[in-house]
């Protein structure tokens, strides 16, 4: 993007772009129909700019834009498709946060990604808590599981709570959501599922490999029957304390760490 991009100042709530933003921020799932998603705040916006995966339009509160350095303005101008400047009242009304932020990006999600058969993956089967989903995405990015496959019934991957919990992990991941169970059959890597009462111990299992796909189910019911037969192996996490089960995000972190550790210590 050219450094000479001219910001577009908007002061009217009836502006078509502002109306589009209001629609986008009115419902968690609206992005699926609109093919765009709204993110807020310096942390998420700067995290997005690290990756060339997505194109976006940048939105700033005008007083904030005027306060930043010319070099930073040029940085945003090089990265964004367009830059919009809004007055304080408009920016505040668009915010989905308790403390409105002075900047946000509108990310283009119009390109539908396809499943990569050999990519290290995490399959989410009805994981419904947004905090758990965001935490799992963050863990996946840390341990090299770059493809997230969310089966229908899973919390919206691009919902605001998941975005905040993910802390920017979204932008380096290959995210595919709202898929049917049959779509998982495209994977050509082992699919490992966890259980508190069956399967080989995670510590002892020789099945923990990379690449693989870890399958995690609903916080209460676990992996559904429709998905369970797709698991290549079942893995049990040793729990000497005797708890019935682990939080799904905690279990995911343990399992993905085990895969990454095994891969790093395997002889060449």
C-alpha atoms as a PDB file:
ATOM      1  CA  UNK A   1       0.000   0.000   0.000  1.00  0.00           C
ATOM      2  CA  UNK A   2       1.298   3.458  -0.886  1.00  0.00           C
ATOM      3  CA  UNK A   3       2.544   5.711   1.893  1.00  0.00           C
ATOM      4  CA  UNK A   4       0.590   8.573   0.289  1.00  0.00           C
ATOM      5  CA  UNK A   5      -2.804   7.034   1.135  1.00  0.00           C
ATOM      6  CA  UNK A   6      -5.203   9.762   2.200  1.00  0.00           C
ATOM      7  CA  UNK A   7      -7.251   9.054   5.335  1.00  0.00           C
ATOM      8  CA  UNK A   8     -11.012   9.408   4.948  1.00  0.00           C
ATOM      9  CA  UNK A   9     -12.615  11.457   7.723  1.00  0.00           C
ATOM     10  CA  UNK A  10     -16.152  10.459   8.790  1.00  0.00           C
ATOM     11  CA  UNK A  11     -18.331  12.411  11.196  1.00  0.00           C
ATOM     12  CA  UNK A  12     -21.817  11.146  10.322  1.00  0.00           C
ATOM     13  CA  UNK A  13     -23.397   8.064  11.860  1.00  0.00           C
ATOM     14  CA  UNK A  14     -25.342   7.686   8.595  1.00  0.00           C
ATOM     15  CA  UNK A  15     -22.158   7.091   6.593  1.00  0.00           C
ATOM     16  CA  UNK A  16     -22.388   3.695   4.767  1.00  0.00           C
ATOM     17  CA  UNK A  17     -19.054   2.498   6.181  1.00  0.00           C
ATOM     18  CA  UNK A  18     -20.124   3.365   9.735  1.00  0.00           C
ATOM     19  CA  UNK A  19     -23.432   1.559   9.194  1.00  0.00           C
ATOM     20  CA  UNK A  20     -21.493  -1.491   8.024  1.00  0.00           C
ATOM     21  CA  UNK A  21     -19.327  -1.366  11.149  1.00  0.00           C
ATOM     22  CA  UNK A  22     -22.393  -1.147  13.384  1.00  0.00           C
ATOM     23  CA  UNK A  23     -23.802  -4.269  11.755  1.00  0.00           C
ATOM     24  CA  UNK A  24     -20.471  -6.030  12.136  1.00  0.00           C
ATOM     25  CA  UNK A  25     -20.223  -5.253  15.849  1.00  0.00           C
ATOM     26  CA  UNK A  26     -23.887  -5.903  16.676  1.00  0.00           C
ATOM     27  CA  UNK A  27     -23.685  -9.714  16.717  1.00  0.00           C
ATOM     28  CA  UNK A  28     -20.889 -12.212  17.382  1.00  0.00           C
ATOM     29  CA  UNK A  29     -21.777 -14.253  14.295  1.00  0.00           C
ATOM     30  CA  UNK A  30     -22.382 -11.388  11.886  1.00  0.00           C
ATOM     31  CA  UNK A  31     -18.919 -11.732  10.385  1.00  0.00           C
ATOM     32  CA  UNK A  32     -19.862 -15.057   8.822  1.00  0.00           C
ATOM     33  CA  UNK A  33     -22.480 -13.377   6.640  1.00  0.00           C
ATOM     34  CA  UNK A  34     -20.471 -10.249   5.922  1.00  0.00           C
ATOM     35  CA  UNK A  35     -17.080 -11.837   5.253  1.00  0.00           C
ATOM     36  CA  UNK A  36     -15.392  -9.263   7.502  1.00  0.00           C
ATOM     37  CA  UNK A  37     -14.432  -9.129  11.142  1.00  0.00           C
ATOM     38  CA  UNK A  38     -13.754  -6.184  13.473  1.00  0.00           C
ATOM     39  CA  UNK A  39     -10.804  -6.206  15.892  1.00  0.00           C
ATOM     40  CA  UNK A  40     -10.025  -3.474  18.421  1.00  0.00           C
ATOM     41  CA  UNK A  41      -6.986  -2.100  20.201  1.00  0.00           C
ATOM     42  CA  UNK A  42      -3.273  -1.693  19.557  1.00  0.00           C
ATOM     43  CA  UNK A  43      -2.309  -5.193  20.689  1.00  0.00           C
ATOM     44  CA  UNK A  44      -4.549  -7.112  18.279  1.00  0.00           C
ATOM     45  CA  UNK A  45      -4.021  -4.663  15.430  1.00  0.00           C
ATOM     46  CA  UNK A  46      -0.245  -4.768  15.739  1.00  0.00           C
ATOM     47  CA  UNK A  47      -0.329  -8.568  15.997  1.00  0.00           C
ATOM     48  CA  UNK A  48      -2.247  -8.716  12.713  1.00  0.00           C
ATOM     49  CA  UNK A  49       0.333  -6.536  10.977  1.00  0.00           C
ATOM     50  CA  UNK A  50       3.062  -9.107  11.674  1.00  0.00           C
ATOM     51  CA  UNK A  51       1.418 -11.546   9.260  1.00  0.00           C
ATOM     52  CA  UNK A  52       0.671 -10.946   5.555  1.00  0.00           C
ATOM     53  CA  UNK A  53      -2.266 -13.380   5.633  1.00  0.00           C
ATOM     54  CA  UNK A  54      -5.136 -10.902   5.753  1.00  0.00           C
ATOM     55  CA  UNK A  55      -5.942  -7.597   4.087  1.00  0.00           C
ATOM     56  CA  UNK A  56      -7.683  -4.987   6.200  1.00  0.00           C
ATOM     57  CA  UNK A  57      -9.026  -1.463   6.468  1.00  0.00           C
ATOM     58  CA  UNK A  58      -7.838   0.618   9.419  1.00  0.00           C
ATOM     59  CA  UNK A  59     -10.074   2.790  11.594  1.00  0.00           C
ATOM     60  CA  UNK A  60      -8.731   5.397  14.014  1.00  0.00           C
ATOM     61  CA  UNK A  61     -10.188   7.968  16.325  1.00  0.00           C
ATOM     62  CA  UNK A  62      -9.088  11.207  14.651  1.00  0.00           C
ATOM     63  CA  UNK A  63      -7.545  12.722  17.764  1.00  0.00           C
ATOM     64  CA  UNK A  64      -5.442   9.566  18.194  1.00  0.00           C
ATOM     65  CA  UNK A  65      -4.323   9.594  14.552  1.00  0.00           C
ATOM     66  CA  UNK A  66      -3.256  13.219  14.866  1.00  0.00           C
ATOM     67  CA  UNK A  67      -1.232  12.416  17.988  1.00  0.00           C
ATOM     68  CA  UNK A  68       0.953   9.617  16.556  1.00  0.00           C
ATOM     69  CA  UNK A  69       4.197  10.131  14.688  1.00  0.00           C
ATOM     70  CA  UNK A  70       4.384  10.570  10.937  1.00  0.00           C
ATOM     71  CA  UNK A  71       6.503   7.403  10.717  1.00  0.00           C
ATOM     72  CA  UNK A  72       3.791   5.395  12.465  1.00  0.00           C
ATOM     73  CA  UNK A  73       1.149   6.901  10.184  1.00  0.00           C
ATOM     74  CA  UNK A  74       3.240   5.771   7.202  1.00  0.00           C
ATOM     75  CA  UNK A  75       3.519   2.270   8.679  1.00  0.00           C
ATOM     76  CA  UNK A  76      -0.258   1.997   8.902  1.00  0.00           C
ATOM     77  CA  UNK A  77      -0.643   3.471   5.421  1.00  0.00           C
ATOM     78  CA  UNK A  78       1.678   0.839   3.933  1.00  0.00           C
ATOM     79  CA  UNK A  79      -0.254  -1.996   5.572  1.00  0.00           C
ATOM     80  CA  UNK A  80      -3.908  -0.959   5.223  1.00  0.00           C
ATOM     81  CA  UNK A  81      -6.153  -0.955   2.175  1.00  0.00           C
ATOM     82  CA  UNK A  82      -7.853   2.218   3.433  1.00  0.00           C
ATOM     83  CA  UNK A  83      -7.687   4.402   6.516  1.00  0.00           C
ATOM     84  CA  UNK A  84     -10.775   5.938   8.102  1.00  0.00           C
ATOM     85  CA  UNK A  85     -10.747   8.612  10.797  1.00  0.00           C
ATOM     86  CA  UNK A  86     -13.787   8.858  13.073  1.00  0.00           C
ATOM     87  CA  UNK A  87     -14.696  11.390  15.701  1.00  0.00           C
ATOM     88  CA  UNK A  88     -14.789  10.311  19.346  1.00  0.00           C
ATOM     89  CA  UNK A  89     -18.549   9.731  19.568  1.00  0.00           C
ATOM     90  CA  UNK A  90     -18.636   7.446  16.531  1.00  0.00           C
ATOM     91  CA  UNK A  91     -15.620   5.443  17.671  1.00  0.00           C
ATOM     92  CA  UNK A  92     -17.045   4.992  21.164  1.00  0.00           C
ATOM     93  CA  UNK A  93     -20.377   3.739  19.850  1.00  0.00           C
ATOM     94  CA  UNK A  94     -18.684   1.134  17.673  1.00  0.00           C
ATOM     95  CA  UNK A  95     -16.644  -0.371  20.479  1.00  0.00           C
ATOM     96  CA  UNK A  96     -17.456  -3.843  21.827  1.00  0.00           C
ATOM     97  CA  UNK A  97     -15.252  -3.267  24.889  1.00  0.00           C
ATOM     98  CA  UNK A  98     -15.985  -1.734  28.269  1.00  0.00           C
ATOM     99  CA  UNK A  99     -13.085   0.644  27.639  1.00  0.00           C
ATOM    100  CA  UNK A 100     -13.362   1.789  23.999  1.00  0.00           C
ATOM    101  CA  UNK A 101     -10.132   1.723  22.012  1.00  0.00           C
ATOM    102  CA  UNK A 102      -8.772   4.411  19.716  1.00  0.00           C
ATOM    103  CA  UNK A 103      -8.110   2.080  16.778  1.00  0.00           C
ATOM    104  CA  UNK A 104      -9.481  -1.013  15.089  1.00  0.00           C
ATOM    105  CA  UNK A 105      -9.128  -3.002  11.872  1.00  0.00           C
ATOM    106  CA  UNK A 106     -11.766  -4.490   9.572  1.00  0.00           C
ATOM    107  CA  UNK A 107     -10.282  -7.772   8.326  1.00  0.00           C
ATOM    108  CA  UNK A 108     -11.340  -9.316   5.020  1.00  0.00           C
ATOM    109  CA  UNK A 109     -12.459 -12.936   5.524  1.00  0.00           C
ATOM    110  CA  UNK A 110     -14.059 -13.348   2.107  1.00  0.00           C
ATOM    111  CA  UNK A 111     -11.637 -16.074   0.971  1.00  0.00           C
ATOM    112  CA  UNK A 112     -12.795 -19.474   2.262  1.00  0.00           C
ATOM    113  CA  UNK A 113      -9.794 -21.572   3.362  1.00  0.00           C
ATOM    114  CA  UNK A 114      -9.528 -25.274   2.556  1.00  0.00           C
ATOM    115  CA  UNK A 115      -8.337 -28.090   4.799  1.00  0.00           C
ATOM    116  CA  UNK A 116      -4.645 -28.906   4.459  1.00  0.00           C
ATOM    117  CA  UNK A 117      -4.418 -32.729   4.835  1.00  0.00           C
ATOM    118  CA  UNK A 118      -0.909 -32.883   6.325  1.00  0.00           C
ATOM    119  CA  UNK A 119      -0.888 -29.763   8.469  1.00  0.00           C
ATOM    120  CA  UNK A 120      -0.572 -30.191  12.276  1.00  0.00           C
ATOM    121  CA  UNK A 121      -4.113 -29.551  13.444  1.00  0.00           C
ATOM    122  CA  UNK A 122      -6.493 -29.071  16.340  1.00  0.00           C
ATOM    123  CA  UNK A 123     -10.083 -30.259  15.924  1.00  0.00           C
ATOM    124  CA  UNK A 124     -12.665 -28.594  18.149  1.00  0.00           C
ATOM    125  CA  UNK A 125     -15.852 -30.627  18.490  1.00  0.00           C
ATOM    126  CA  UNK A 126     -18.401 -28.469  20.271  1.00  0.00           C
ATOM    127  CA  UNK A 127     -16.038 -26.568  22.567  1.00  0.00           C
ATOM    128  CA  UNK A 128     -18.408 -23.789  23.568  1.00  0.00           C
ATOM    129  CA  UNK A 129     -16.649 -21.551  26.063  1.00  0.00           C
ATOM    130  CA  UNK A 130     -15.070 -18.611  24.216  1.00  0.00           C
ATOM    131  CA  UNK A 131     -12.263 -18.336  26.758  1.00  0.00           C
ATOM    132  CA  UNK A 132     -11.369 -22.001  26.300  1.00  0.00           C
ATOM    133  CA  UNK A 133     -11.387 -21.701  22.519  1.00  0.00           C
ATOM    134  CA  UNK A 134      -9.196 -18.594  22.559  1.00  0.00           C
ATOM    135  CA  UNK A 135      -6.778 -20.226  24.984  1.00  0.00           C
ATOM    136  CA  UNK A 136      -6.547 -23.337  22.794  1.00  0.00           C
ATOM    137  CA  UNK A 137      -5.788 -21.211  19.744  1.00  0.00           C
ATOM    138  CA  UNK A 138      -3.032 -19.411  21.619  1.00  0.00           C
ATOM    139  CA  UNK A 139      -1.543 -22.732  22.747  1.00  0.00           C
ATOM    140  CA  UNK A 140      -1.801 -24.170  19.229  1.00  0.00           C
ATOM    141  CA  UNK A 141       0.171 -21.254  17.801  1.00  0.00           C
ATOM    142  CA  UNK A 142       2.850 -21.687  20.480  1.00  0.00           C
ATOM    143  CA  UNK A 143       3.351 -25.397  19.816  1.00  0.00           C
ATOM    144  CA  UNK A 144       3.171 -25.481  16.020  1.00  0.00           C
ATOM    145  CA  UNK A 145      -0.424 -26.650  15.476  1.00  0.00           C
ATOM    146  CA  UNK A 146      -1.199 -24.215  12.717  1.00  0.00           C
ATOM    147  CA  UNK A 147      -4.570 -25.515  11.469  1.00  0.00           C
ATOM    148  CA  UNK A 148      -7.740 -25.179  13.558  1.00  0.00           C
ATOM    149  CA  UNK A 149     -10.807 -27.129  12.426  1.00  0.00           C
ATOM    150  CA  UNK A 150     -13.938 -26.110  14.314  1.00  0.00           C
ATOM    151  CA  UNK A 151     -16.893 -28.468  13.877  1.00  0.00           C
ATOM    152  CA  UNK A 152     -20.393 -26.973  13.940  1.00  0.00           C
ATOM    153  CA  UNK A 153     -21.435 -26.243  17.506  1.00  0.00           C
ATOM    154  CA  UNK A 154     -18.051 -24.811  18.492  1.00  0.00           C
ATOM    155  CA  UNK A 155     -17.850 -21.193  19.663  1.00  0.00           C
ATOM    156  CA  UNK A 156     -17.337 -18.685  16.840  1.00  0.00           C
ATOM    157  CA  UNK A 157     -13.593 -18.535  16.218  1.00  0.00           C
ATOM    158  CA  UNK A 158     -13.710 -14.850  15.280  1.00  0.00           C
ATOM    159  CA  UNK A 159     -16.114 -13.826  18.046  1.00  0.00           C
ATOM    160  CA  UNK A 160     -14.848 -10.917  20.182  1.00  0.00           C
ATOM    161  CA  UNK A 161     -14.287 -12.982  23.346  1.00  0.00           C
ATOM    162  CA  UNK A 162     -12.335 -15.642  21.447  1.00  0.00           C
ATOM    163  CA  UNK A 163     -10.270 -12.938  19.748  1.00  0.00           C
ATOM    164  CA  UNK A 164      -9.384 -11.358  23.079  1.00  0.00           C
ATOM    165  CA  UNK A 165      -8.497 -14.701  24.673  1.00  0.00           C
ATOM    166  CA  UNK A 166      -6.410 -15.645  21.623  1.00  0.00           C
ATOM    167  CA  UNK A 167      -4.206 -12.570  22.130  1.00  0.00           C
ATOM    168  CA  UNK A 168      -3.325 -12.329  18.430  1.00  0.00           C
ATOM    169  CA  UNK A 169      -2.779 -16.060  17.794  1.00  0.00           C
ATOM    170  CA  UNK A 170      -5.545 -16.052  15.163  1.00  0.00           C
ATOM    171  CA  UNK A 171      -3.470 -14.247  12.582  1.00  0.00           C
ATOM    172  CA  UNK A 172      -0.788 -16.921  12.310  1.00  0.00           C
ATOM    173  CA  UNK A 173      -3.236 -19.821  12.148  1.00  0.00           C
ATOM    174  CA  UNK A 174      -5.160 -21.537   9.348  1.00  0.00           C
ATOM    175  CA  UNK A 175      -8.709 -21.262  10.679  1.00  0.00           C
ATOM    176  CA  UNK A 176     -11.648 -23.211   9.276  1.00  0.00           C
ATOM    177  CA  UNK A 177     -14.931 -23.209  11.156  1.00  0.00           C
ATOM    178  CA  UNK A 178     -18.509 -24.414  11.072  1.00  0.00           C
ATOM    179  CA  UNK A 179     -17.546 -27.594   9.222  1.00  0.00           C
ATOM    180  CA  UNK A 180     -19.379 -30.925   9.130  1.00  0.00           C
ATOM    181  CA  UNK A 181     -17.950 -34.066  10.725  1.00  0.00           C
ATOM    182  CA  UNK A 182     -17.228 -35.578   7.312  1.00  0.00           C
ATOM    183  CA  UNK A 183     -14.831 -32.767   6.453  1.00  0.00           C
ATOM    184  CA  UNK A 184     -12.375 -34.180   8.996  1.00  0.00           C
ATOM    185  CA  UNK A 185     -11.897 -37.200   6.747  1.00  0.00           C
ATOM    186  CA  UNK A 186      -9.727 -35.019   4.504  1.00  0.00           C
ATOM    187  CA  UNK A 187      -6.918 -35.213   7.068  1.00  0.00           C
ATOM    188  CA  UNK A 188      -4.101 -37.638   6.289  1.00  0.00           C
ATOM    189  CA  UNK A 189      -2.444 -37.545   9.699  1.00  0.00           C
ATOM    190  CA  UNK A 190      -3.183 -39.419  12.947  1.00  0.00           C
ATOM    191  CA  UNK A 191      -6.138 -38.054  14.928  1.00  0.00           C
ATOM    192  CA  UNK A 192      -5.613 -38.308  18.672  1.00  0.00           C
ATOM    193  CA  UNK A 193      -8.447 -37.901  21.169  1.00  0.00           C
ATOM    194  CA  UNK A 194      -8.190 -37.546  24.930  1.00  0.00           C
ATOM    195  CA  UNK A 195     -10.157 -39.385  27.567  1.00  0.00           C
ATOM    196  CA  UNK A 196     -10.043 -39.540  31.349  1.00  0.00           C
ATOM    197  CA  UNK A 197     -10.825 -43.256  31.409  1.00  0.00           C
ATOM    198  CA  UNK A 198      -9.553 -44.963  28.247  1.00  0.00           C
ATOM    199  CA  UNK A 199      -6.515 -45.121  26.022  1.00  0.00           C
ATOM    200  CA  UNK A 200      -2.778 -45.284  26.578  1.00  0.00           C
ATOM    201  CA  UNK A 201      -1.159 -42.914  29.036  1.00  0.00           C
ATOM    202  CA  UNK A 202       0.107 -39.736  27.427  1.00  0.00           C
ATOM    203  CA  UNK A 203       3.413 -40.193  29.226  1.00  0.00           C
ATOM    204  CA  UNK A 204       3.922 -43.713  27.854  1.00  0.00           C
ATOM    205  CA  UNK A 205       2.288 -43.488  24.455  1.00  0.00           C
ATOM    206  CA  UNK A 206       4.359 -43.952  21.325  1.00  0.00           C
ATOM    207  CA  UNK A 207       1.489 -42.474  19.291  1.00  0.00           C
ATOM    208  CA  UNK A 208       2.297 -38.859  20.158  1.00  0.00           C
ATOM    209  CA  UNK A 209       3.765 -37.581  16.937  1.00  0.00           C
ATOM    210  CA  UNK A 210       4.074 -34.607  14.645  1.00  0.00           C
ATOM    211  CA  UNK A 211       2.286 -33.933  12.461  1.00  0.00           C
ATOM    212  CA  UNK A 212      -0.930 -35.086  14.074  1.00  0.00           C
ATOM    213  CA  UNK A 213      -4.373 -33.727  14.861  1.00  0.00           C
ATOM    214  CA  UNK A 214      -5.615 -33.435  18.449  1.00  0.00           C
ATOM    215  CA  UNK A 215      -9.363 -33.799  18.872  1.00  0.00           C
ATOM    216  CA  UNK A 216     -11.008 -31.987  21.797  1.00  0.00           C
ATOM    217  CA  UNK A 217     -14.686 -32.148  22.666  1.00  0.00           C
ATOM    218  CA  UNK A 218     -17.357 -30.264  24.598  1.00  0.00           C
ATOM    219  CA  UNK A 219     -16.483 -29.130  28.126  1.00  0.00           C
ATOM    220  CA  UNK A 220     -19.110 -31.418  29.658  1.00  0.00           C
ATOM    221  CA  UNK A 221     -19.895 -34.236  27.252  1.00  0.00           C
ATOM    222  CA  UNK A 222     -16.485 -34.532  25.601  1.00  0.00           C
ATOM    223  CA  UNK A 223     -16.065 -35.815  22.048  1.00  0.00           C
ATOM    224  CA  UNK A 224     -19.390 -36.717  20.439  1.00  0.00           C
ATOM    225  CA  UNK A 225     -20.080 -40.236  19.194  1.00  0.00           C
ATOM    226  CA  UNK A 226     -20.285 -38.926  15.623  1.00  0.00           C
ATOM    227  CA  UNK A 227     -16.664 -37.838  15.916  1.00  0.00           C
ATOM    228  CA  UNK A 228     -15.206 -40.479  18.213  1.00  0.00           C
ATOM    229  CA  UNK A 229     -14.807 -43.158  15.526  1.00  0.00           C
ATOM    230  CA  UNK A 230     -12.587 -40.806  13.539  1.00  0.00           C
ATOM    231  CA  UNK A 231      -9.939 -40.913  16.265  1.00  0.00           C
ATOM    232  CA  UNK A 232      -6.921 -43.012  15.326  1.00  0.00           C
ATOM    233  CA  UNK A 233      -5.974 -43.434  18.991  1.00  0.00           C
ATOM    234  CA  UNK A 234      -7.236 -42.444  22.422  1.00  0.00           C
ATOM    235  CA  UNK A 235      -4.828 -40.899  24.891  1.00  0.00           C
ATOM    236  CA  UNK A 236      -5.297 -40.677  28.656  1.00  0.00           C
ATOM    237  CA  UNK A 237      -3.743 -37.894  30.716  1.00  0.00           C
ATOM    238  CA  UNK A 238      -2.412 -39.202  34.024  1.00  0.00           C
ATOM    239  CA  UNK A 239      -4.161 -37.454  36.931  1.00  0.00           C
ATOM    240  CA  UNK A 240      -2.712 -38.613  40.247  1.00  0.00           C
ATOM    241  CA  UNK A 241      -4.845 -36.101  42.134  1.00  0.00           C
ATOM    242  CA  UNK A 242      -7.985 -38.029  41.255  1.00  0.00           C
ATOM    243  CA  UNK A 243     -10.028 -35.311  39.586  1.00  0.00           C
ATOM    244  CA  UNK A 244     -12.687 -36.598  37.202  1.00  0.00           C
ATOM    245  CA  UNK A 245     -11.410 -34.538  34.272  1.00  0.00           C
ATOM    246  CA  UNK A 246      -9.338 -31.529  33.253  1.00  0.00           C
ATOM    247  CA  UNK A 247     -10.501 -28.266  31.788  1.00  0.00           C
ATOM    248  CA  UNK A 248     -10.377 -28.717  28.010  1.00  0.00           C
ATOM    249  CA  UNK A 249      -7.952 -25.826  27.498  1.00  0.00           C
ATOM    250  CA  UNK A 250      -5.613 -27.277  30.133  1.00  0.00           C
ATOM    251  CA  UNK A 251      -5.823 -30.735  28.551  1.00  0.00           C
ATOM    252  CA  UNK A 252      -5.119 -29.237  25.122  1.00  0.00           C
ATOM    253  CA  UNK A 253      -2.021 -27.470  26.409  1.00  0.00           C
ATOM    254  CA  UNK A 254      -0.660 -30.687  27.945  1.00  0.00           C
ATOM    255  CA  UNK A 255      -1.281 -32.702  24.775  1.00  0.00           C
ATOM    256  CA  UNK A 256       0.127 -30.188  22.313  1.00  0.00           C
ATOM    257  CA  UNK A 257       3.187 -29.638  24.477  1.00  0.00           C
ATOM    258  CA  UNK A 258       3.774 -33.410  24.511  1.00  0.00           C
ATOM    259  CA  UNK A 259       3.645 -33.545  20.702  1.00  0.00           C
ATOM    260  CA  UNK A 260       5.974 -30.590  20.289  1.00  0.00           C
ATOM    261  CA  UNK A 261       8.419 -31.983  22.872  1.00  0.00           C
ATOM    262  CA  UNK A 262       8.479 -35.442  21.283  1.00  0.00           C
ATOM    263  CA  UNK A 263       9.083 -33.917  17.861  1.00  0.00           C
ATOM    264  CA  UNK A 264      11.972 -31.783  19.132  1.00  0.00           C
ATOM    265  CA  UNK A 265      13.717 -34.719  20.887  1.00  0.00           C
ATOM    266  CA  UNK A 266      13.228 -37.256  18.090  1.00  0.00           C
ATOM    267  CA  UNK A 267      16.551 -38.292  16.472  1.00  0.00           C
ATOM    268  CA  UNK A 268      17.103 -36.998  12.907  1.00  0.00           C
END
